[in-house]
């Protein structure tokens, strides 16, 4: 497309792509979601009429949910300029308040919470501490569907107590249905009528099913039963119970569940380190030093070495090697951490300096 689209053209293309409707129009030769989100971020006044066009055309919950997500994006980038307009739009619509109640339009919700490097390091290492048990649940999903289903249903049941919504809870069940759908769908159908959160999770699977590669989709007959079990329930038309009482599981399974929630609650720190790695190598170097100080044992140090430290050296090694050599010379823990790095894209000369600085991998 060489010309600028009108709000009507962009909204129509967006709806066709969102709902999988076929079109031979040249207007569908681009990703309408990306284009609209670019406008929201960079030219919000041009993006605003698209909201109005969409609301004039579709009122179904799937479309309203997408509008909600983009209104939140708009407020996260341009709160002061648009919060009054957004509030008026929502309050003047008969359905949007279900998706964005007044309390979710408050400024505090769209302000980034400041965290210290030490808080990032602490949560990053806590995330790592629960990684093995988190992976054990994935292994059970692959190998032991009956045991995995017991755990997955309890994750969904308890999720509300951790302030997790269906978006954060549905993936383990979705993976289980993909791998072992025929073996577990009967139990899912039996449990769904008594669990609002389970039905919400089944509804949440819709987009991942639609956009997954054919080999990654839940089997057609199983998916038909999933949709039937979800019924009309979604996140915006159903109320959760006021209180959730856990169903006790054997001790080892309780430990797996505790680690699953702890891992998910601290995954923000891993995401933060990835973001810093991509955009701010100086900050990454500061984070690495904080991680080394906080690391409780050899395994954690090796994890740091094979992760953020290796990433720093692979992308910015020539720039940081002298600082790394100096740190290795004075800090035995850092030296042990450095020994966990692999060469990857490093030049042979840089790699020689890294291995020399690491020395023998003795305990510190």
Protein backbone atom coordinates (compact mmCIF):
# COMPACT_ATOMS: atom_id res chain seq x y z
CA UNK A 1 0.00 0.00 0.00
CA UNK A 2 1.44 3.32 -1.07
CA UNK A 3 -1.38 5.54 0.13
CA UNK A 4 -2.70 6.29 3.57
CA UNK A 5 -5.80 4.32 4.51
CA UNK A 6 -8.95 5.98 5.73
CA UNK A 7 -10.26 4.94 9.18
CA UNK A 8 -13.12 3.12 7.42
CA UNK A 9 -10.75 1.14 5.18
CA UNK A 10 -8.46 0.21 8.06
CA UNK A 11 -11.34 -0.85 10.31
CA UNK A 12 -12.89 -2.99 7.58
CA UNK A 13 -9.57 -4.68 6.81
CA UNK A 14 -8.97 -5.23 10.52
CA UNK A 15 -12.36 -6.91 10.99
CA UNK A 16 -11.85 -9.18 7.99
CA UNK A 17 -8.47 -10.29 9.29
CA UNK A 18 -9.68 -10.63 12.89
CA UNK A 19 -12.60 -12.86 11.94
CA UNK A 20 -10.79 -14.80 9.20
CA UNK A 21 -13.00 -13.57 6.38
CA UNK A 22 -11.67 -14.11 2.86
CA UNK A 23 -10.97 -11.12 0.68
CA UNK A 24 -9.17 -10.39 -2.59
CA UNK A 25 -8.85 -6.70 -1.70
CA UNK A 26 -5.45 -5.06 -1.93
CA UNK A 27 -6.34 -3.58 1.45
CA UNK A 28 -5.66 -6.99 3.02
CA UNK A 29 -2.11 -7.25 1.72
CA UNK A 30 -0.81 -5.86 5.05
CA UNK A 31 -1.31 -6.67 8.73
CA UNK A 32 -4.09 -4.37 9.89
CA UNK A 33 -3.37 -5.05 13.57
CA UNK A 34 0.23 -3.89 13.25
CA UNK A 35 -0.74 -0.82 11.26
CA UNK A 36 -3.41 0.20 13.75
CA UNK A 37 -1.10 -0.37 16.72
CA UNK A 38 1.62 1.71 15.04
CA UNK A 39 -0.88 4.54 14.69
CA UNK A 40 -1.96 4.14 18.31
CA UNK A 41 1.65 4.43 19.48
CA UNK A 42 2.96 7.06 17.06
CA UNK A 43 -0.04 8.97 15.63
CA UNK A 44 -2.90 8.49 18.12
CA UNK A 45 -5.16 11.13 16.59
CA UNK A 46 -5.20 9.09 13.38
CA UNK A 47 -5.87 5.90 15.35
CA UNK A 48 -8.83 7.30 17.31
CA UNK A 49 -11.36 7.32 14.43
CA UNK A 50 -10.63 3.62 13.85
CA UNK A 51 -12.07 2.85 17.31
CA UNK A 52 -15.26 4.69 16.35
CA UNK A 53 -15.51 2.93 12.99
CA UNK A 54 -15.08 -0.50 14.61
CA UNK A 55 -17.72 0.17 17.24
CA UNK A 56 -20.12 1.28 14.52
CA UNK A 57 -19.65 -2.02 12.66
CA UNK A 58 -19.36 -4.85 15.21
CA UNK A 59 -20.67 -5.33 18.75
CA UNK A 60 -19.76 -8.98 19.38
CA UNK A 61 -17.63 -9.81 22.42
CA UNK A 62 -14.60 -10.93 20.37
CA UNK A 63 -14.42 -7.56 18.62
CA UNK A 64 -15.11 -5.60 21.80
CA UNK A 65 -12.29 -7.45 23.54
CA UNK A 66 -9.88 -6.43 20.79
CA UNK A 67 -11.05 -2.82 21.10
CA UNK A 68 -10.45 -3.05 24.85
CA UNK A 69 -6.85 -4.21 24.34
CA UNK A 70 -6.14 -1.32 21.95
CA UNK A 71 -7.78 1.23 24.25
CA UNK A 72 -5.45 0.02 26.98
CA UNK A 73 -2.51 0.39 24.62
CA UNK A 74 -3.65 3.92 23.81
CA UNK A 75 -3.87 4.83 27.49
CA UNK A 76 -0.50 3.26 28.28
CA UNK A 77 1.14 5.53 25.69
CA UNK A 78 -0.99 8.69 25.80
CA UNK A 79 -2.97 8.67 29.02
CA UNK A 80 -3.15 12.40 29.70
CA UNK A 81 -4.23 13.23 26.15
CA UNK A 82 -6.88 10.52 25.81
CA UNK A 83 -8.21 9.36 29.17
CA UNK A 84 -11.23 11.68 29.09
CA UNK A 85 -12.14 10.63 25.56
CA UNK A 86 -11.74 6.97 26.41
CA UNK A 87 -13.84 7.30 29.57
CA UNK A 88 -16.62 9.06 27.66
CA UNK A 89 -16.50 6.44 24.91
CA UNK A 90 -16.72 3.55 27.37
CA UNK A 91 -19.39 5.06 29.60
CA UNK A 92 -21.48 6.03 26.57
CA UNK A 93 -21.49 2.48 25.20
CA UNK A 94 -23.91 -0.15 26.45
CA UNK A 95 -21.39 -3.05 26.36
CA UNK A 96 -17.87 -1.62 26.80
CA UNK A 97 -18.18 -1.09 30.60
CA UNK A 98 -18.17 -4.89 30.94
CA UNK A 99 -14.70 -4.88 29.38
CA UNK A 100 -13.30 -1.69 30.93
CA UNK A 101 -15.00 -0.81 34.22
CA UNK A 102 -14.19 2.57 35.77
CA UNK A 103 -11.52 1.22 38.12
CA UNK A 104 -9.54 -0.14 35.17
CA UNK A 105 -9.30 3.33 33.62
CA UNK A 106 -7.46 4.89 36.56
CA UNK A 107 -4.06 6.40 35.79
CA UNK A 108 -2.18 4.22 38.28
CA UNK A 109 -2.96 1.17 36.19
CA UNK A 110 -1.07 2.59 33.22
CA UNK A 111 1.98 3.86 35.05
CA UNK A 112 5.05 1.64 34.96
CA UNK A 113 6.08 0.53 38.41
CA UNK A 114 9.69 1.35 39.13
CA UNK A 115 11.79 -1.55 40.34
CA UNK A 116 15.39 -1.61 41.47
CA UNK A 117 18.14 -3.73 39.97
CA UNK A 118 18.23 -5.69 43.20
CA UNK A 119 14.50 -6.45 42.92
CA UNK A 120 14.96 -7.62 39.33
CA UNK A 121 17.89 -9.82 40.38
CA UNK A 122 16.00 -11.30 43.33
CA UNK A 123 12.93 -12.16 41.28
CA UNK A 124 15.02 -13.46 38.36
CA UNK A 125 16.77 -15.91 40.67
CA UNK A 126 13.49 -16.87 42.33
CA UNK A 127 12.11 -17.58 38.88
CA UNK A 128 15.10 -19.81 38.18
CA UNK A 129 14.67 -21.61 41.52
CA UNK A 130 11.27 -22.87 40.41
CA UNK A 131 12.21 -23.63 36.82
CA UNK A 132 12.86 -27.34 37.29
CA UNK A 133 9.51 -28.07 38.91
CA UNK A 134 7.78 -25.87 36.33
CA UNK A 135 9.39 -27.98 33.62
CA UNK A 136 8.29 -31.14 35.44
CA UNK A 137 4.65 -30.15 34.87
CA UNK A 138 5.40 -29.75 31.16
CA UNK A 139 6.97 -33.21 31.20
CA UNK A 140 3.87 -34.69 32.83
CA UNK A 141 1.70 -33.02 30.19
CA UNK A 142 3.76 -34.88 27.59
CA UNK A 143 3.98 -38.24 29.34
CA UNK A 144 1.29 -38.68 32.03
CA UNK A 145 -1.99 -37.04 30.97
CA UNK A 146 -4.13 -38.25 33.88
CA UNK A 147 -1.74 -36.92 36.53
CA UNK A 148 -1.15 -33.76 34.50
CA UNK A 149 -4.88 -33.13 34.20
CA UNK A 150 -5.27 -33.29 37.98
CA UNK A 151 -2.55 -30.63 38.33
CA UNK A 152 -3.78 -28.48 35.46
CA UNK A 153 -7.36 -28.39 36.70
CA UNK A 154 -6.11 -27.34 40.12
CA UNK A 155 -3.95 -24.60 38.58
CA UNK A 156 -7.11 -23.25 36.95
CA UNK A 157 -9.14 -23.70 40.14
CA UNK A 158 -6.61 -21.87 42.34
CA UNK A 159 -5.59 -19.24 39.82
CA UNK A 160 -8.11 -16.69 41.03
CA UNK A 161 -6.46 -16.74 44.48
CA UNK A 162 -3.21 -15.59 42.84
CA UNK A 163 -4.99 -12.85 40.84
CA UNK A 164 -4.43 -14.80 37.63
CA UNK A 165 -7.03 -14.51 34.90
CA UNK A 166 -7.84 -17.02 32.20
CA UNK A 167 -5.23 -15.55 29.84
CA UNK A 168 -2.48 -16.67 32.25
CA UNK A 169 -4.06 -20.00 33.15
CA UNK A 170 -5.26 -21.63 29.93
CA UNK A 171 -1.96 -22.67 28.30
CA UNK A 172 -1.24 -25.88 30.29
CA UNK A 173 -4.74 -27.20 29.60
CA UNK A 174 -4.50 -26.19 25.96
CA UNK A 175 -1.22 -28.12 25.61
CA UNK A 176 -2.75 -31.12 27.34
CA UNK A 177 -5.78 -31.09 25.04
CA UNK A 178 -3.50 -30.80 22.02
CA UNK A 179 -1.41 -33.80 23.05
CA UNK A 180 -3.99 -36.03 24.75
CA UNK A 181 -7.37 -34.54 23.95
CA UNK A 182 -9.27 -37.78 23.43
CA UNK A 183 -8.00 -39.16 26.75
CA UNK A 184 -9.03 -36.20 28.88
CA UNK A 185 -11.94 -34.42 27.20
CA UNK A 186 -14.56 -36.46 29.10
CA UNK A 187 -13.21 -35.19 32.43
CA UNK A 188 -12.99 -31.63 31.15
CA UNK A 189 -16.63 -31.77 30.05
CA UNK A 190 -17.68 -33.07 33.47
CA UNK A 191 -15.79 -30.34 35.32
CA UNK A 192 -16.76 -27.39 33.10
CA UNK A 193 -20.35 -26.81 34.30
CA UNK A 194 -19.21 -26.26 37.90
CA UNK A 195 -16.14 -24.08 37.15
CA UNK A 196 -16.47 -20.59 35.70
CA UNK A 197 -12.69 -20.23 35.43
CA UNK A 198 -12.41 -23.52 33.55
CA UNK A 199 -15.03 -22.36 31.06
CA UNK A 200 -13.21 -19.03 30.72
CA UNK A 201 -9.97 -20.91 29.99
CA UNK A 202 -11.69 -23.02 27.34
CA UNK A 203 -13.02 -19.84 25.74
CA UNK A 204 -9.55 -18.26 25.93
CA UNK A 205 -8.17 -21.04 23.71
CA UNK A 206 -10.14 -19.85 20.69
CA UNK A 207 -7.56 -17.48 19.22
CA UNK A 208 -4.64 -19.86 19.75
CA UNK A 209 -6.62 -22.59 18.01
CA UNK A 210 -7.50 -20.35 15.07
CA UNK A 211 -3.99 -19.04 14.49
CA UNK A 212 -1.97 -22.17 15.32
CA UNK A 213 -0.25 -24.12 12.57
CA UNK A 214 -2.31 -27.16 11.52
CA UNK A 215 0.03 -29.56 13.32
CA UNK A 216 -0.35 -27.59 16.56
CA UNK A 217 -4.14 -27.44 16.65
CA UNK A 218 -6.33 -29.45 18.97
CA UNK A 219 -7.98 -32.31 17.04
CA UNK A 220 -11.17 -31.22 15.31
CA UNK A 221 -13.60 -33.46 17.22
CA UNK A 222 -11.97 -32.64 20.56
CA UNK A 223 -12.11 -28.94 19.72
CA UNK A 224 -15.83 -29.19 18.95
CA UNK A 225 -16.37 -30.59 22.44
CA UNK A 226 -14.13 -27.90 23.97
CA UNK A 227 -16.28 -25.18 22.40
CA UNK A 228 -19.45 -26.87 23.60
CA UNK A 229 -18.05 -27.18 27.15
CA UNK A 230 -17.13 -23.48 27.17
CA UNK A 231 -20.66 -22.55 26.16
CA UNK A 232 -21.30 -18.82 26.08
CA UNK A 233 -18.90 -18.07 28.95
CA UNK A 234 -16.13 -15.53 28.49
CA UNK A 235 -14.13 -13.21 30.76
CA UNK A 236 -16.70 -10.43 30.42
CA UNK A 237 -20.05 -12.07 30.92
CA UNK A 238 -19.39 -14.31 33.91
CA UNK A 239 -18.74 -13.79 37.62
CA UNK A 240 -16.13 -15.75 39.56
CA UNK A 241 -16.91 -17.15 43.02
CA UNK A 242 -16.01 -14.93 45.97
CA UNK A 243 -13.84 -17.60 47.55
CA UNK A 244 -11.85 -20.54 46.22
CA UNK A 245 -10.96 -23.51 48.40
CA UNK A 246 -8.10 -25.62 47.07
CA UNK A 247 -8.57 -29.32 46.54
CA UNK A 248 -5.65 -30.92 48.43
CA UNK A 249 -3.23 -32.99 46.35
CA UNK A 250 -0.38 -35.32 47.37
CA UNK A 251 2.63 -33.53 48.85
CA UNK A 252 4.83 -33.78 45.76
CA UNK A 253 2.07 -32.45 43.53
CA UNK A 254 1.44 -29.59 45.96
CA UNK A 255 5.12 -28.66 45.58
CA UNK A 256 4.75 -28.70 41.80
CA UNK A 257 1.71 -26.44 42.01
CA UNK A 258 3.46 -24.01 44.36
CA UNK A 259 6.41 -23.81 41.98
CA UNK A 260 4.17 -23.27 38.96
CA UNK A 261 2.57 -20.22 40.57
CA UNK A 262 5.89 -18.91 41.95
CA UNK A 263 7.50 -19.26 38.53
CA UNK A 264 4.66 -17.45 36.78
CA UNK A 265 4.59 -14.69 39.40
CA UNK A 266 8.29 -13.96 38.87
CA UNK A 267 8.44 -14.39 35.11
CA UNK A 268 8.25 -10.59 34.78
CA UNK A 269 11.89 -10.43 35.91
CA UNK A 270 13.05 -12.79 33.18
CA UNK A 271 11.12 -10.68 30.66
CA UNK A 272 12.72 -7.54 32.08
CA UNK A 273 16.22 -8.98 31.70
CA UNK A 274 15.45 -9.95 28.09
CA UNK A 275 14.21 -6.41 27.38
CA UNK A 276 17.32 -4.91 28.96
CA UNK A 277 19.51 -7.33 26.99
CA UNK A 278 17.99 -6.13 23.72
CA UNK A 279 18.07 -2.39 24.41
CA UNK A 280 20.49 -1.38 27.18
CA UNK A 281 23.77 -3.32 27.49
CA UNK A 282 25.12 -0.92 30.13
CA UNK A 283 22.13 -1.65 32.32
CA UNK A 284 22.51 -5.37 31.61
CA UNK A 285 26.07 -5.27 32.94
CA UNK A 286 24.77 -3.69 36.16
CA UNK A 287 22.05 -6.35 36.42
CA UNK A 288 24.58 -9.16 35.89
CA UNK A 289 26.70 -7.92 38.79
CA UNK A 290 23.60 -7.73 40.99
CA UNK A 291 22.65 -11.27 39.96
CA UNK A 292 26.09 -12.60 40.84
CA UNK A 293 25.95 -10.99 44.28
CA UNK A 294 22.51 -12.47 44.94
CA UNK A 295 23.19 -15.93 43.46
CA UNK A 296 22.83 -18.54 46.24
CA UNK A 297 24.83 -21.42 44.71
CA UNK A 298 26.90 -22.77 41.83
CA UNK A 299 23.87 -23.76 39.77
CA UNK A 300 22.48 -20.23 39.88
CA UNK A 301 25.86 -18.78 38.90
CA UNK A 302 26.07 -21.19 35.96
CA UNK A 303 22.55 -20.17 34.91
CA UNK A 304 23.56 -16.50 34.93
CA UNK A 305 26.71 -17.29 32.96
CA UNK A 306 24.87 -19.27 30.29
CA UNK A 307 22.15 -16.60 30.11
CA UNK A 308 22.58 -12.85 30.45
CA UNK A 309 26.39 -12.86 30.74
CA UNK A 310 26.76 -14.98 27.61
CA UNK A 311 24.28 -12.74 25.81
CA UNK A 312 26.26 -9.64 26.77
CA UNK A 313 29.52 -11.12 25.56
CA UNK A 314 27.99 -12.43 22.33
CA UNK A 315 26.49 -9.05 21.40
CA UNK A 316 28.82 -6.53 23.06
CA UNK A 317 31.86 -8.51 24.11
CA UNK A 318 34.53 -6.23 22.66
CA UNK A 319 33.00 -3.29 24.48
CA UNK A 320 32.76 -5.00 27.89
CA UNK A 321 35.66 -7.44 27.98
CA UNK A 322 37.96 -5.18 29.98
CA UNK A 323 35.29 -4.61 32.64
CA UNK A 324 34.61 -8.35 32.69
CA UNK A 325 38.30 -9.14 33.11
CA UNK A 326 38.57 -6.64 35.97
CA UNK A 327 35.51 -8.07 37.70
CA UNK A 328 36.77 -11.65 37.31
CA UNK A 329 40.09 -10.63 38.84
CA UNK A 330 38.51 -9.37 42.08
CA UNK A 331 35.36 -11.51 42.42
CA UNK A 332 35.62 -15.32 42.65
CA UNK A 333 31.83 -15.74 42.30
CA UNK A 334 31.87 -13.78 39.08
CA UNK A 335 34.83 -15.82 37.85
CA UNK A 336 32.87 -19.04 38.44
CA UNK A 337 29.89 -17.49 36.62
CA UNK A 338 32.10 -16.53 33.67
CA UNK A 339 33.24 -20.12 33.31
CA UNK A 340 29.64 -21.04 32.41
CA UNK A 341 29.72 -18.96 29.21
CA UNK A 342 29.88 -20.62 25.78
CA UNK A 343 31.61 -19.04 22.79
CA UNK A 344 28.65 -18.63 20.43
CA UNK A 345 29.27 -15.59 18.16
CA UNK A 346 32.41 -14.44 19.97
CA UNK A 347 35.60 -14.10 17.95
CA UNK A 348 38.44 -16.47 18.80
CA UNK A 349 40.46 -13.59 20.24
CA UNK A 350 37.59 -12.49 22.49
CA UNK A 351 36.95 -16.08 23.52
CA UNK A 352 40.59 -16.53 24.57
CA UNK A 353 40.29 -13.50 26.83
CA UNK A 354 37.07 -14.84 28.34
CA UNK A 355 38.53 -18.26 29.10
CA UNK A 356 41.69 -16.72 30.52
CA UNK A 357 39.66 -14.45 32.79
CA UNK A 358 37.53 -17.39 33.94
CA UNK A 359 40.57 -19.52 34.76
CA UNK A 360 40.01 -22.95 36.27
CA UNK A 361 36.44 -23.59 37.33
CA UNK A 362 37.21 -24.21 40.98
CA UNK A 363 34.82 -23.35 43.74
CA UNK A 364 35.08 -19.76 44.85
